Amino acid sequence: MVKQDRRTIQTKSQITEALIELIHTKGFNNLSVTDLTRTAGIGRGTFYIHYLDKFDLLSKTETRLLSEIQDILNAIVPEELKAFSENSENTPSELVIKTLDYFYQNSKLLSALLCPDGDPYLIGKIKKMFKEVIIKSFHAAPSEIEFHPGIPKDYVMEIILDRLMSIVVYWMSKDHPESPSEIAEIIKTTQRTAPQDLINIKK
């Protein structure tokens, strides 16, 4: 039974690697099951044991990713909101670095899925997930959260959402992404830096 489980894990890993390669070379819309099996070095019958077609492969792959990202966001977002409230000047927490490590370990897959020839709907799914976790964290905060009086609450949440999400998504889209500790430091710095302070134009 253990051997069978290992074989299944290995086969799915080969198919995933083939998916990543083919998205970059052909685009998801243009690849076929035959392309996947040839690139993965498996038979069509083996592929169909696990997936109905390429769309089922994409759906199951993204469902797994989104579920794991959900767990990570449930940990990282409250930590980041805590940093906002405390106006912390400390280095990024080990929790933040550890959770970002998941993104780093799956960067090849995420980069392929988020590229123009991948799944154009995935970024929307991730953004929705970010937003839901942030809203949940606001409601679960141990102390009352005060919002900027000149900015409506929904805009405040969008600003926080976009800062976190855009950095992580852009990070994943890079061919050679920075390490989790480096990206954690960047996220931390954005918490302490106003947008107008990011660029200094010398006259």
N, C-alpha and C. Protein backbone atom coordinates (compact mmCIF):
# COMPACT_ATOMS: atom_id res chain seq x y z
N MET A 1 0.84 -1.21 0.00
CA MET A 1 0.00 0.00 0.00
C MET A 1 0.87 1.25 0.00
N VAL A 2 1.96 1.21 0.78
CA VAL A 2 2.87 2.35 0.83
C VAL A 2 3.52 2.57 -0.52
N LYS A 3 3.93 1.43 -1.19
CA LYS A 3 4.54 1.53 -2.51
C LYS A 3 3.58 2.15 -3.50
N GLN A 4 2.32 1.75 -3.42
CA GLN A 4 1.31 2.29 -4.31
C GLN A 4 1.14 3.79 -4.09
N ASP A 5 1.14 4.22 -2.84
CA ASP A 5 0.99 5.63 -2.53
C ASP A 5 2.18 6.42 -3.07
N ARG A 6 3.36 5.89 -2.91
CA ARG A 6 4.56 6.55 -3.42
C ARG A 6 4.53 6.64 -4.94
N ARG A 7 4.05 5.56 -5.57
CA ARG A 7 3.95 5.55 -7.02
C ARG A 7 2.96 6.60 -7.51
N THR A 8 1.85 6.72 -6.79
CA THR A 8 0.84 7.71 -7.15
C THR A 8 1.38 9.12 -7.00
N ILE A 9 2.08 9.37 -5.90
CA ILE A 9 2.68 10.69 -5.67
C ILE A 9 3.69 11.02 -6.75
N GLN A 10 4.51 10.02 -7.12
CA GLN A 10 5.51 10.23 -8.16
C GLN A 10 4.86 10.52 -9.50
N THR A 11 3.81 9.77 -9.82
CA THR A 11 3.12 9.97 -11.10
C THR A 11 2.49 11.36 -11.18
N LYS A 12 1.83 11.78 -10.11
CA LYS A 12 1.21 13.10 -10.09
C LYS A 12 2.26 14.20 -10.17
N SER A 13 3.41 13.96 -9.55
CA SER A 13 4.49 14.92 -9.61
C SER A 13 5.00 15.07 -11.04
N GLN A 14 5.12 13.94 -11.75
CA GLN A 14 5.57 13.96 -13.14
C GLN A 14 4.57 14.72 -14.02
N ILE A 15 3.29 14.50 -13.77
CA ILE A 15 2.24 15.18 -14.55
C ILE A 15 2.27 16.68 -14.27
N THR A 16 2.46 17.05 -13.01
CA THR A 16 2.54 18.46 -12.65
C THR A 16 3.72 19.14 -13.32
N GLU A 17 4.88 18.47 -13.30
CA GLU A 17 6.08 19.01 -13.95
C GLU A 17 5.83 19.18 -15.44
N ALA A 18 5.13 18.23 -16.05
CA ALA A 18 4.81 18.31 -17.47
C ALA A 18 3.88 19.49 -17.74
N LEU A 19 2.92 19.68 -16.85
CA LEU A 19 1.98 20.80 -16.98
C LEU A 19 2.72 22.12 -16.95
N ILE A 20 3.64 22.27 -16.01
CA ILE A 20 4.43 23.50 -15.89
C ILE A 20 5.21 23.77 -17.17
N GLU A 21 5.90 22.74 -17.66
CA GLU A 21 6.71 22.89 -18.87
C GLU A 21 5.86 23.25 -20.08
N LEU A 22 4.72 22.57 -20.23
CA LEU A 22 3.89 22.77 -21.42
C LEU A 22 3.15 24.11 -21.40
N ILE A 23 2.79 24.60 -20.22
CA ILE A 23 2.16 25.92 -20.16
C ILE A 23 3.13 26.97 -20.69
N HIS A 24 4.40 26.84 -20.32
CA HIS A 24 5.40 27.81 -20.77
C HIS A 24 5.73 27.68 -22.26
N THR A 25 5.67 26.46 -22.79
CA THR A 25 6.05 26.24 -24.19
C THR A 25 4.88 26.32 -25.17
N LYS A 26 3.68 25.87 -24.72
CA LYS A 26 2.53 25.84 -25.63
C LYS A 26 1.34 26.67 -25.16
N GLY A 27 1.28 26.90 -23.84
CA GLY A 27 0.10 27.54 -23.27
C GLY A 27 -0.92 26.49 -22.91
N PHE A 28 -1.69 26.73 -21.84
CA PHE A 28 -2.64 25.71 -21.39
C PHE A 28 -3.69 25.40 -22.44
N ASN A 29 -4.19 26.41 -23.12
CA ASN A 29 -5.25 26.19 -24.10
C ASN A 29 -4.81 25.30 -25.26
N ASN A 30 -3.52 25.30 -25.56
CA ASN A 30 -3.03 24.56 -26.72
C ASN A 30 -2.45 23.19 -26.39
N LEU A 31 -2.26 22.89 -25.12
CA LEU A 31 -1.69 21.58 -24.79
C LEU A 31 -2.79 20.52 -24.75
N SER A 32 -2.39 19.27 -24.96
CA SER A 32 -3.32 18.15 -24.97
C SER A 32 -2.90 17.10 -23.96
N VAL A 33 -3.79 16.13 -23.72
CA VAL A 33 -3.45 15.03 -22.81
C VAL A 33 -2.26 14.25 -23.36
N THR A 34 -2.22 14.10 -24.69
CA THR A 34 -1.08 13.42 -25.32
C THR A 34 0.22 14.14 -25.03
N ASP A 35 0.18 15.48 -25.12
CA ASP A 35 1.37 16.27 -24.78
C ASP A 35 1.80 16.01 -23.34
N LEU A 36 0.82 15.98 -22.45
CA LEU A 36 1.10 15.77 -21.03
C LEU A 36 1.72 14.40 -20.76
N THR A 37 1.15 13.37 -21.36
CA THR A 37 1.65 12.01 -21.11
C THR A 37 3.03 11.80 -21.71
N ARG A 38 3.25 12.37 -22.90
CA ARG A 38 4.57 12.23 -23.52
C ARG A 38 5.63 12.96 -22.71
N THR A 39 5.32 14.18 -22.29
CA THR A 39 6.28 14.97 -21.52
C THR A 39 6.53 14.35 -20.15
N ALA A 40 5.48 13.78 -19.54
CA ALA A 40 5.61 13.16 -18.22
C ALA A 40 6.22 11.77 -18.30
N GLY A 41 6.22 11.17 -19.51
CA GLY A 41 6.78 9.83 -19.67
C GLY A 41 5.88 8.75 -19.09
N ILE A 42 4.56 8.94 -19.23
CA ILE A 42 3.60 7.95 -18.74
C ILE A 42 2.60 7.61 -19.84
N GLY A 43 1.83 6.55 -19.64
CA GLY A 43 0.81 6.18 -20.60
C GLY A 43 -0.48 6.96 -20.39
N ARG A 44 -1.28 7.03 -21.43
CA ARG A 44 -2.56 7.74 -21.32
C ARG A 44 -3.46 7.10 -20.26
N GLY A 45 -3.42 5.78 -20.18
CA GLY A 45 -4.23 5.08 -19.19
C GLY A 45 -3.86 5.49 -17.77
N THR A 46 -2.57 5.68 -17.56
CA THR A 46 -2.11 6.12 -16.23
C THR A 46 -2.64 7.51 -15.91
N PHE A 47 -2.62 8.39 -16.91
CA PHE A 47 -3.14 9.75 -16.71
C PHE A 47 -4.61 9.71 -16.32
N TYR A 48 -5.39 8.88 -17.04
CA TYR A 48 -6.84 8.85 -16.81
C TYR A 48 -7.24 8.15 -15.51
N ILE A 49 -6.28 7.48 -14.88
CA ILE A 49 -6.56 6.93 -13.55
C ILE A 49 -6.76 8.06 -12.56
N HIS A 50 -6.05 9.16 -12.80
CA HIS A 50 -6.04 10.27 -11.84
C HIS A 50 -6.89 11.47 -12.28
N TYR A 51 -7.00 11.70 -13.58
CA TYR A 51 -7.70 12.89 -14.07
C TYR A 51 -8.60 12.55 -15.26
N LEU A 52 -9.71 13.28 -15.37
CA LEU A 52 -10.65 13.07 -16.48
C LEU A 52 -10.10 13.63 -17.78
N ASP A 53 -9.49 14.82 -17.68
CA ASP A 53 -8.92 15.50 -18.84
C ASP A 53 -8.00 16.61 -18.32
N LYS A 54 -7.50 17.44 -19.22
CA LYS A 54 -6.57 18.49 -18.79
C LYS A 54 -7.25 19.53 -17.90
N PHE A 55 -8.55 19.72 -18.10
CA PHE A 55 -9.28 20.69 -17.27
C PHE A 55 -9.46 20.16 -15.85
N ASP A 56 -9.66 18.86 -15.73
CA ASP A 56 -9.76 18.25 -14.40
C ASP A 56 -8.41 18.33 -13.70
N LEU A 57 -7.33 18.15 -14.45
CA LEU A 57 -5.98 18.30 -13.90
C LEU A 57 -5.77 19.71 -13.38
N LEU A 58 -6.15 20.70 -14.18
CA LEU A 58 -6.00 22.10 -13.77
C LEU A 58 -6.83 22.39 -12.52
N SER A 59 -8.07 21.92 -12.52
CA SER A 59 -8.98 22.16 -11.40
C SER A 59 -8.45 21.54 -10.11
N LYS A 60 -8.02 20.29 -10.16
CA LYS A 60 -7.54 19.61 -8.97
C LYS A 60 -6.22 20.20 -8.48
N THR A 61 -5.38 20.61 -9.42
CA THR A 61 -4.11 21.23 -9.06
C THR A 61 -4.35 22.55 -8.34
N GLU A 62 -5.26 23.37 -8.90
CA GLU A 62 -5.54 24.67 -8.29
C GLU A 62 -6.29 24.53 -6.98
N THR A 63 -7.19 23.54 -6.89
CA THR A 63 -7.92 23.31 -5.64
C THR A 63 -6.95 22.98 -4.51
N ARG A 64 -5.96 22.14 -4.80
CA ARG A 64 -4.95 21.80 -3.80
C ARG A 64 -4.15 23.02 -3.40
N LEU A 65 -3.70 23.77 -4.39
CA LEU A 65 -2.93 24.98 -4.12
C LEU A 65 -3.71 25.98 -3.28
N LEU A 66 -4.95 26.24 -3.70
CA LEU A 66 -5.77 27.23 -3.01
C LEU A 66 -6.07 26.81 -1.58
N SER A 67 -6.26 25.51 -1.37
CA SER A 67 -6.52 25.01 -0.02
C SER A 67 -5.30 25.22 0.87
N GLU A 68 -4.12 24.94 0.33
CA GLU A 68 -2.90 25.11 1.11
C GLU A 68 -2.59 26.59 1.33
N ILE A 69 -2.86 27.42 0.31
CA ILE A 69 -2.66 28.86 0.46
C ILE A 69 -3.62 29.43 1.50
N GLN A 70 -4.85 28.91 1.51
CA GLN A 70 -5.84 29.34 2.50
C GLN A 70 -5.31 29.13 3.92
N ASP A 71 -4.75 27.96 4.16
CA ASP A 71 -4.20 27.67 5.49
C ASP A 71 -3.07 28.64 5.83
N ILE A 72 -2.25 28.95 4.84
CA ILE A 72 -1.12 29.85 5.06
C ILE A 72 -1.61 31.27 5.34
N LEU A 73 -2.58 31.72 4.58
CA LEU A 73 -3.10 33.07 4.78
C LEU A 73 -3.76 33.21 6.14
N ASN A 74 -4.40 32.15 6.60
CA ASN A 74 -5.03 32.19 7.92
C ASN A 74 -3.99 32.43 9.01
N ALA A 75 -2.73 32.09 8.71
CA ALA A 75 -1.66 32.31 9.67
C ALA A 75 -0.97 33.65 9.46
N ILE A 76 -0.70 33.98 8.20
CA ILE A 76 0.12 35.15 7.92
C ILE A 76 -0.64 36.47 8.04
N VAL A 77 -1.89 36.51 7.61
CA VAL A 77 -2.63 37.78 7.61
C VAL A 77 -2.86 38.32 9.01
N PRO A 78 -3.33 37.50 9.97
CA PRO A 78 -3.47 38.05 11.34
C PRO A 78 -2.14 38.56 11.88
N GLU A 79 -1.05 37.89 11.55
CA GLU A 79 0.27 38.31 12.00
C GLU A 79 0.63 39.67 11.41
N GLU A 80 0.31 39.87 10.14
CA GLU A 80 0.61 41.13 9.48
C GLU A 80 -0.28 42.26 10.01
N LEU A 81 -1.54 41.95 10.28
CA LEU A 81 -2.44 42.96 10.84
C LEU A 81 -1.99 43.36 12.24
N LYS A 82 -1.45 42.39 12.98
CA LYS A 82 -0.92 42.68 14.31
C LYS A 82 0.25 43.65 14.20
N ALA A 83 1.07 43.45 13.18
CA ALA A 83 2.21 44.33 12.96
C ALA A 83 1.74 45.75 12.62
N PHE A 84 0.65 45.83 11.86
CA PHE A 84 0.09 47.14 11.55
C PHE A 84 -0.33 47.85 12.83
N SER A 85 -1.04 47.12 13.71
CA SER A 85 -1.58 47.74 14.92
C SER A 85 -0.48 48.14 15.90
N GLU A 86 0.60 47.35 15.92
CA GLU A 86 1.68 47.62 16.85
C GLU A 86 2.73 48.56 16.27
N ASN A 87 2.59 48.83 14.97
CA ASN A 87 3.57 49.67 14.27
C ASN A 87 4.98 49.13 14.52
N SER A 88 5.09 47.81 14.41
CA SER A 88 6.33 47.13 14.77
C SER A 88 7.49 47.51 13.85
N GLU A 89 8.65 47.73 14.47
CA GLU A 89 9.85 48.03 13.70
C GLU A 89 10.79 46.81 13.66
N ASN A 90 10.32 45.70 14.19
CA ASN A 90 11.16 44.51 14.25
C ASN A 90 11.29 43.86 12.88
N THR A 91 12.22 42.93 12.78
CA THR A 91 12.36 42.18 11.54
C THR A 91 11.16 41.26 11.38
N PRO A 92 10.91 40.78 10.14
CA PRO A 92 9.75 39.90 9.91
C PRO A 92 9.79 38.68 10.83
N SER A 93 8.63 38.25 11.29
CA SER A 93 8.56 37.12 12.21
C SER A 93 8.90 35.82 11.50
N GLU A 94 9.29 34.84 12.31
CA GLU A 94 9.60 33.52 11.77
C GLU A 94 8.35 32.91 11.12
N LEU A 95 7.17 33.24 11.68
CA LEU A 95 5.93 32.72 11.12
C LEU A 95 5.73 33.21 9.69
N VAL A 96 5.95 34.50 9.48
CA VAL A 96 5.79 35.06 8.14
C VAL A 96 6.75 34.41 7.15
N ILE A 97 8.01 34.27 7.56
CA ILE A 97 9.01 33.66 6.69
C ILE A 97 8.66 32.20 6.41
N LYS A 98 8.23 31.50 7.43
CA LYS A 98 7.89 30.09 7.27
C LYS A 98 6.71 29.90 6.32
N THR A 99 5.70 30.74 6.44
CA THR A 99 4.53 30.58 5.59
C THR A 99 4.82 31.01 4.15
N LEU A 100 5.64 32.04 3.99
CA LEU A 100 6.02 32.46 2.65
C LEU A 100 6.87 31.39 1.96
N ASP A 101 7.50 30.56 2.75
CA ASP A 101 8.33 29.49 2.19
C ASP A 101 7.49 28.55 1.32
N TYR A 102 6.21 28.40 1.66
CA TYR A 102 5.34 27.55 0.85
C TYR A 102 5.24 28.09 -0.58
N PHE A 103 5.04 29.39 -0.68
CA PHE A 103 4.95 30.00 -1.99
C PHE A 103 6.25 29.79 -2.77
N TYR A 104 7.35 29.92 -2.06
CA TYR A 104 8.66 29.76 -2.69
C TYR A 104 8.86 28.33 -3.20
N GLN A 105 8.48 27.37 -2.38
CA GLN A 105 8.64 25.97 -2.76
C GLN A 105 7.76 25.58 -3.95
N ASN A 106 6.67 26.32 -4.15
CA ASN A 106 5.75 26.04 -5.26
C ASN A 106 5.81 27.13 -6.33
N SER A 107 6.92 27.86 -6.36
CA SER A 107 7.02 29.01 -7.26
C SER A 107 6.93 28.63 -8.73
N LYS A 108 7.48 27.49 -9.12
CA LYS A 108 7.44 27.09 -10.53
C LYS A 108 6.00 26.85 -10.99
N LEU A 109 5.24 26.16 -10.17
CA LEU A 109 3.84 25.89 -10.52
C LEU A 109 3.02 27.16 -10.51
N LEU A 110 3.17 27.98 -9.46
CA LEU A 110 2.42 29.22 -9.37
C LEU A 110 2.79 30.17 -10.51
N SER A 111 4.06 30.23 -10.84
CA SER A 111 4.52 31.09 -11.92
C SER A 111 3.88 30.68 -13.24
N ALA A 112 3.79 29.37 -13.50
CA ALA A 112 3.19 28.88 -14.73
C ALA A 112 1.70 29.20 -14.77
N LEU A 113 1.00 28.93 -13.68
CA LEU A 113 -0.44 29.15 -13.65
C LEU A 113 -0.80 30.63 -13.72
N LEU A 114 0.07 31.50 -13.18
CA LEU A 114 -0.22 32.93 -13.16
C LEU A 114 0.27 33.66 -14.41
N CYS A 115 1.01 32.98 -15.25
CA CYS A 115 1.53 33.63 -16.46
C CYS A 115 0.39 33.82 -17.47
N PRO A 116 0.58 34.68 -18.49
CA PRO A 116 -0.48 34.95 -19.49
C PRO A 116 -1.04 33.71 -20.18
N ASP A 117 -0.22 32.66 -20.32
CA ASP A 117 -0.67 31.43 -20.99
C ASP A 117 -1.17 30.37 -20.01
N GLY A 118 -1.31 30.75 -18.74
CA GLY A 118 -1.79 29.82 -17.73
C GLY A 118 -3.29 29.93 -17.54
N ASP A 119 -3.71 30.16 -16.30
CA ASP A 119 -5.14 30.31 -16.00
C ASP A 119 -5.43 31.76 -15.65
N PRO A 120 -6.11 32.50 -16.53
CA PRO A 120 -6.38 33.92 -16.27
C PRO A 120 -7.31 34.16 -15.09
N TYR A 121 -7.98 33.11 -14.61
CA TYR A 121 -8.93 33.27 -13.52
C TYR A 121 -8.30 33.01 -12.15
N LEU A 122 -7.11 32.44 -12.13
CA LEU A 122 -6.51 32.08 -10.85
C LEU A 122 -6.21 33.29 -9.99
N ILE A 123 -5.72 34.36 -10.58
CA ILE A 123 -5.37 35.55 -9.79
C ILE A 123 -6.60 36.12 -9.09
N GLY A 124 -7.76 36.04 -9.75
CA GLY A 124 -9.00 36.50 -9.13
C GLY A 124 -9.39 35.62 -7.95
N LYS A 125 -9.16 34.32 -8.08
CA LYS A 125 -9.46 33.40 -6.99
C LYS A 125 -8.57 33.67 -5.78
N ILE A 126 -7.29 33.95 -6.05
CA ILE A 126 -6.36 34.23 -4.96
C ILE A 126 -6.72 35.54 -4.27
N LYS A 127 -7.08 36.56 -5.08
CA LYS A 127 -7.44 37.85 -4.52
C LYS A 127 -8.68 37.72 -3.64
N LYS A 128 -9.66 36.96 -4.09
CA LYS A 128 -10.87 36.75 -3.30
C LYS A 128 -10.53 36.09 -1.97
N MET A 129 -9.61 35.11 -2.02
CA MET A 129 -9.20 34.42 -0.82
C MET A 129 -8.50 35.37 0.15
N PHE A 130 -7.59 36.20 -0.39
CA PHE A 130 -6.92 37.20 0.44
C PHE A 130 -7.96 38.08 1.15
N LYS A 131 -8.94 38.55 0.40
CA LYS A 131 -9.93 39.47 0.94
C LYS A 131 -10.75 38.82 2.04
N GLU A 132 -11.17 37.58 1.82
CA GLU A 132 -11.98 36.88 2.82
C GLU A 132 -11.21 36.68 4.12
N VAL A 133 -9.93 36.35 4.00
CA VAL A 133 -9.12 36.13 5.20
C VAL A 133 -8.89 37.44 5.95
N ILE A 134 -8.67 38.53 5.21
CA ILE A 134 -8.47 39.84 5.84
C ILE A 134 -9.73 40.28 6.59
N ILE A 135 -10.88 40.13 5.95
CA ILE A 135 -12.15 40.50 6.59
C ILE A 135 -12.36 39.67 7.85
N LYS A 136 -12.09 38.37 7.75
CA LYS A 136 -12.24 37.47 8.90
C LYS A 136 -11.29 37.89 10.03
N SER A 137 -10.08 38.30 9.67
CA SER A 137 -9.10 38.72 10.67
C SER A 137 -9.53 40.01 11.36
N PHE A 138 -10.14 40.93 10.60
CA PHE A 138 -10.65 42.17 11.18
C PHE A 138 -11.70 41.85 12.24
N HIS A 139 -12.61 40.94 11.91
CA HIS A 139 -13.69 40.61 12.84
C HIS A 139 -13.18 39.89 14.09
N ALA A 140 -12.08 39.13 13.92
CA ALA A 140 -11.55 38.34 15.03
C ALA A 140 -10.49 39.08 15.84
N ALA A 141 -10.20 40.31 15.47
CA ALA A 141 -9.16 41.08 16.17
C ALA A 141 -9.53 41.25 17.64
N PRO A 142 -8.56 41.05 18.55
CA PRO A 142 -8.84 41.13 19.99
C PRO A 142 -9.20 42.54 20.45
N SER A 143 -8.76 43.55 19.73
CA SER A 143 -9.08 44.93 20.09
C SER A 143 -9.77 45.62 18.93
N GLU A 144 -10.42 46.73 19.24
CA GLU A 144 -11.16 47.46 18.22
C GLU A 144 -10.21 48.07 17.19
N ILE A 145 -10.57 47.93 15.94
CA ILE A 145 -9.75 48.46 14.85
C ILE A 145 -10.31 49.80 14.41
N GLU A 146 -9.47 50.81 14.40
CA GLU A 146 -9.88 52.13 13.95
C GLU A 146 -9.37 52.36 12.53
N PHE A 147 -10.26 52.82 11.67
CA PHE A 147 -9.90 53.08 10.29
C PHE A 147 -9.65 54.57 10.08
N HIS A 148 -8.88 54.89 9.06
CA HIS A 148 -8.60 56.28 8.74
C HIS A 148 -9.93 57.01 8.49
N PRO A 149 -10.16 58.13 9.17
CA PRO A 149 -11.45 58.82 9.05
C PRO A 149 -11.73 59.36 7.65
N GLY A 150 -10.68 59.58 6.86
CA GLY A 150 -10.90 60.14 5.53
C GLY A 150 -11.01 59.11 4.43
N ILE A 151 -10.89 57.80 4.80
CA ILE A 151 -10.96 56.74 3.79
C ILE A 151 -12.00 55.71 4.22
N PRO A 152 -13.00 55.43 3.38
CA PRO A 152 -14.02 54.43 3.73
C PRO A 152 -13.39 53.07 4.03
N LYS A 153 -14.03 52.32 4.89
CA LYS A 153 -13.51 51.03 5.37
C LYS A 153 -13.19 50.08 4.22
N ASP A 154 -14.07 50.03 3.21
CA ASP A 154 -13.85 49.08 2.12
C ASP A 154 -12.60 49.44 1.32
N TYR A 155 -12.30 50.74 1.22
CA TYR A 155 -11.09 51.15 0.51
C TYR A 155 -9.84 50.81 1.33
N VAL A 156 -9.94 50.95 2.64
CA VAL A 156 -8.82 50.60 3.50
C VAL A 156 -8.47 49.12 3.32
N MET A 157 -9.50 48.28 3.30
CA MET A 157 -9.26 46.85 3.13
C MET A 157 -8.67 46.54 1.76
N GLU A 158 -9.12 47.27 0.73
CA GLU A 158 -8.56 47.06 -0.60
C GLU A 158 -7.09 47.44 -0.65
N ILE A 159 -6.74 48.53 0.04
CA ILE A 159 -5.35 48.98 0.07
C ILE A 159 -4.47 47.92 0.73
N ILE A 160 -4.91 47.41 1.88
CA ILE A 160 -4.14 46.38 2.58
C ILE A 160 -4.06 45.11 1.73
N LEU A 161 -5.21 44.74 1.15
CA LEU A 161 -5.28 43.56 0.30
C LEU A 161 -4.31 43.66 -0.87
N ASP A 162 -4.35 44.79 -1.56
CA ASP A 162 -3.52 44.96 -2.75
C ASP A 162 -2.04 44.98 -2.41
N ARG A 163 -1.69 45.57 -1.28
CA ARG A 163 -0.27 45.59 -0.88
C ARG A 163 0.25 44.18 -0.66
N LEU A 164 -0.49 43.38 0.11
CA LEU A 164 -0.06 42.03 0.38
C LEU A 164 -0.09 41.15 -0.86
N MET A 165 -1.23 41.18 -1.57
CA MET A 165 -1.42 40.28 -2.70
C MET A 165 -0.52 40.61 -3.88
N SER A 166 -0.42 41.90 -4.19
CA SER A 166 0.37 42.28 -5.37
C SER A 166 1.84 41.91 -5.19
N ILE A 167 2.36 42.06 -3.97
CA ILE A 167 3.75 41.71 -3.72
C ILE A 167 3.96 40.21 -3.88
N VAL A 168 3.09 39.42 -3.27
CA VAL A 168 3.24 37.96 -3.33
C VAL A 168 3.05 37.44 -4.75
N VAL A 169 2.01 37.93 -5.44
CA VAL A 169 1.74 37.46 -6.81
C VAL A 169 2.86 37.87 -7.76
N TYR A 170 3.35 39.10 -7.63
CA TYR A 170 4.46 39.53 -8.48
C TYR A 170 5.70 38.70 -8.19
N TRP A 171 5.94 38.45 -6.92
CA TRP A 171 7.08 37.63 -6.49
C TRP A 171 7.03 36.26 -7.17
N MET A 172 5.84 35.66 -7.21
CA MET A 172 5.69 34.34 -7.81
C MET A 172 5.84 34.36 -9.33
N SER A 173 5.62 35.51 -9.94
CA SER A 173 5.68 35.59 -11.41
C SER A 173 7.12 35.73 -11.92
N LYS A 174 8.07 35.97 -11.02
CA LYS A 174 9.45 36.19 -11.42
C LYS A 174 10.16 34.87 -11.75
N ASP A 175 11.05 34.92 -12.73
CA ASP A 175 11.82 33.73 -13.09
C ASP A 175 12.75 33.31 -11.96
N HIS A 176 13.29 34.29 -11.26
CA HIS A 176 14.19 34.01 -10.15
C HIS A 176 13.74 34.80 -8.92
N PRO A 177 12.69 34.30 -8.24
CA PRO A 177 12.13 35.02 -7.09
C PRO A 177 13.10 35.09 -5.92
N GLU A 178 12.99 36.18 -5.15
CA GLU A 178 13.80 36.34 -3.95
C GLU A 178 13.45 35.25 -2.93
N SER A 179 14.28 35.11 -1.92
CA SER A 179 14.03 34.13 -0.87
C SER A 179 12.85 34.58 -0.01
N PRO A 180 12.21 33.64 0.71
CA PRO A 180 11.11 34.02 1.61
C PRO A 180 11.50 35.10 2.61
N SER A 181 12.72 35.04 3.16
CA SER A 181 13.14 36.05 4.14
C SER A 181 13.27 37.42 3.49
N GLU A 182 13.72 37.46 2.25
CA GLU A 182 13.85 38.74 1.55
C GLU A 182 12.49 39.35 1.24
N ILE A 183 11.56 38.53 0.79
CA ILE A 183 10.23 39.04 0.45
C ILE A 183 9.47 39.43 1.72
N ALA A 184 9.73 38.72 2.82
CA ALA A 184 9.11 39.08 4.10
C ALA A 184 9.59 40.46 4.54
N GLU A 185 10.86 40.74 4.32
CA GLU A 185 11.42 42.04 4.67
C GLU A 185 10.80 43.15 3.81
N ILE A 186 10.55 42.84 2.54
CA ILE A 186 9.92 43.81 1.65
C ILE A 186 8.50 44.12 2.12
N ILE A 187 7.76 43.06 2.48
CA ILE A 187 6.39 43.25 2.98
C ILE A 187 6.42 44.10 4.24
N LYS A 188 7.37 43.80 5.13
CA LYS A 188 7.48 44.55 6.38
C LYS A 188 7.78 46.02 6.11
N THR A 189 8.66 46.27 5.15
CA THR A 189 9.03 47.64 4.82
C THR A 189 7.84 48.42 4.27
N THR A 190 7.00 47.77 3.47
CA THR A 190 5.83 48.47 2.92
C THR A 190 4.85 48.89 4.01
N GLN A 191 4.88 48.18 5.13
CA GLN A 191 4.00 48.53 6.24
C GLN A 191 4.43 49.85 6.89
N ARG A 192 5.73 50.13 6.79
CA ARG A 192 6.27 51.31 7.46
C ARG A 192 6.53 52.47 6.51
N THR A 193 6.22 52.27 5.22
CA THR A 193 6.55 53.27 4.22
C THR A 193 5.32 53.75 3.48
N ALA A 194 5.08 55.05 3.48
CA ALA A 194 3.97 55.62 2.72
C ALA A 194 4.31 55.58 1.23
N PRO A 195 3.30 55.41 0.37
CA PRO A 195 3.56 55.33 -1.08
C PRO A 195 4.42 56.48 -1.61
N GLN A 196 4.17 57.71 -1.12
CA GLN A 196 4.92 58.85 -1.64
C GLN A 196 6.38 58.84 -1.20
N ASP A 197 6.70 57.98 -0.22
CA ASP A 197 8.07 57.88 0.25
C ASP A 197 8.88 56.79 -0.46
N LEU A 198 8.22 56.05 -1.34
CA LEU A 198 8.90 54.97 -2.04
C LEU A 198 9.87 55.50 -3.10
N ILE A 199 9.56 56.68 -3.64
CA ILE A 199 10.41 57.29 -4.68
C ILE A 199 10.75 58.71 -4.27
N ASN A 200 12.00 59.05 -4.41
CA ASN A 200 12.45 60.41 -4.09
C ASN A 200 12.99 61.06 -5.37
N ILE A 201 12.27 62.04 -5.89
CA ILE A 201 12.68 62.72 -7.11
C ILE A 201 13.48 63.95 -6.72
N LYS A 202 14.75 63.93 -7.07
CA LYS A 202 15.63 65.05 -6.74
C LYS A 202 15.53 66.15 -7.79
N LYS A 203 15.36 67.38 -7.34
CA LYS A 203 15.27 68.49 -8.27
C LYS A 203 16.65 69.07 -8.56
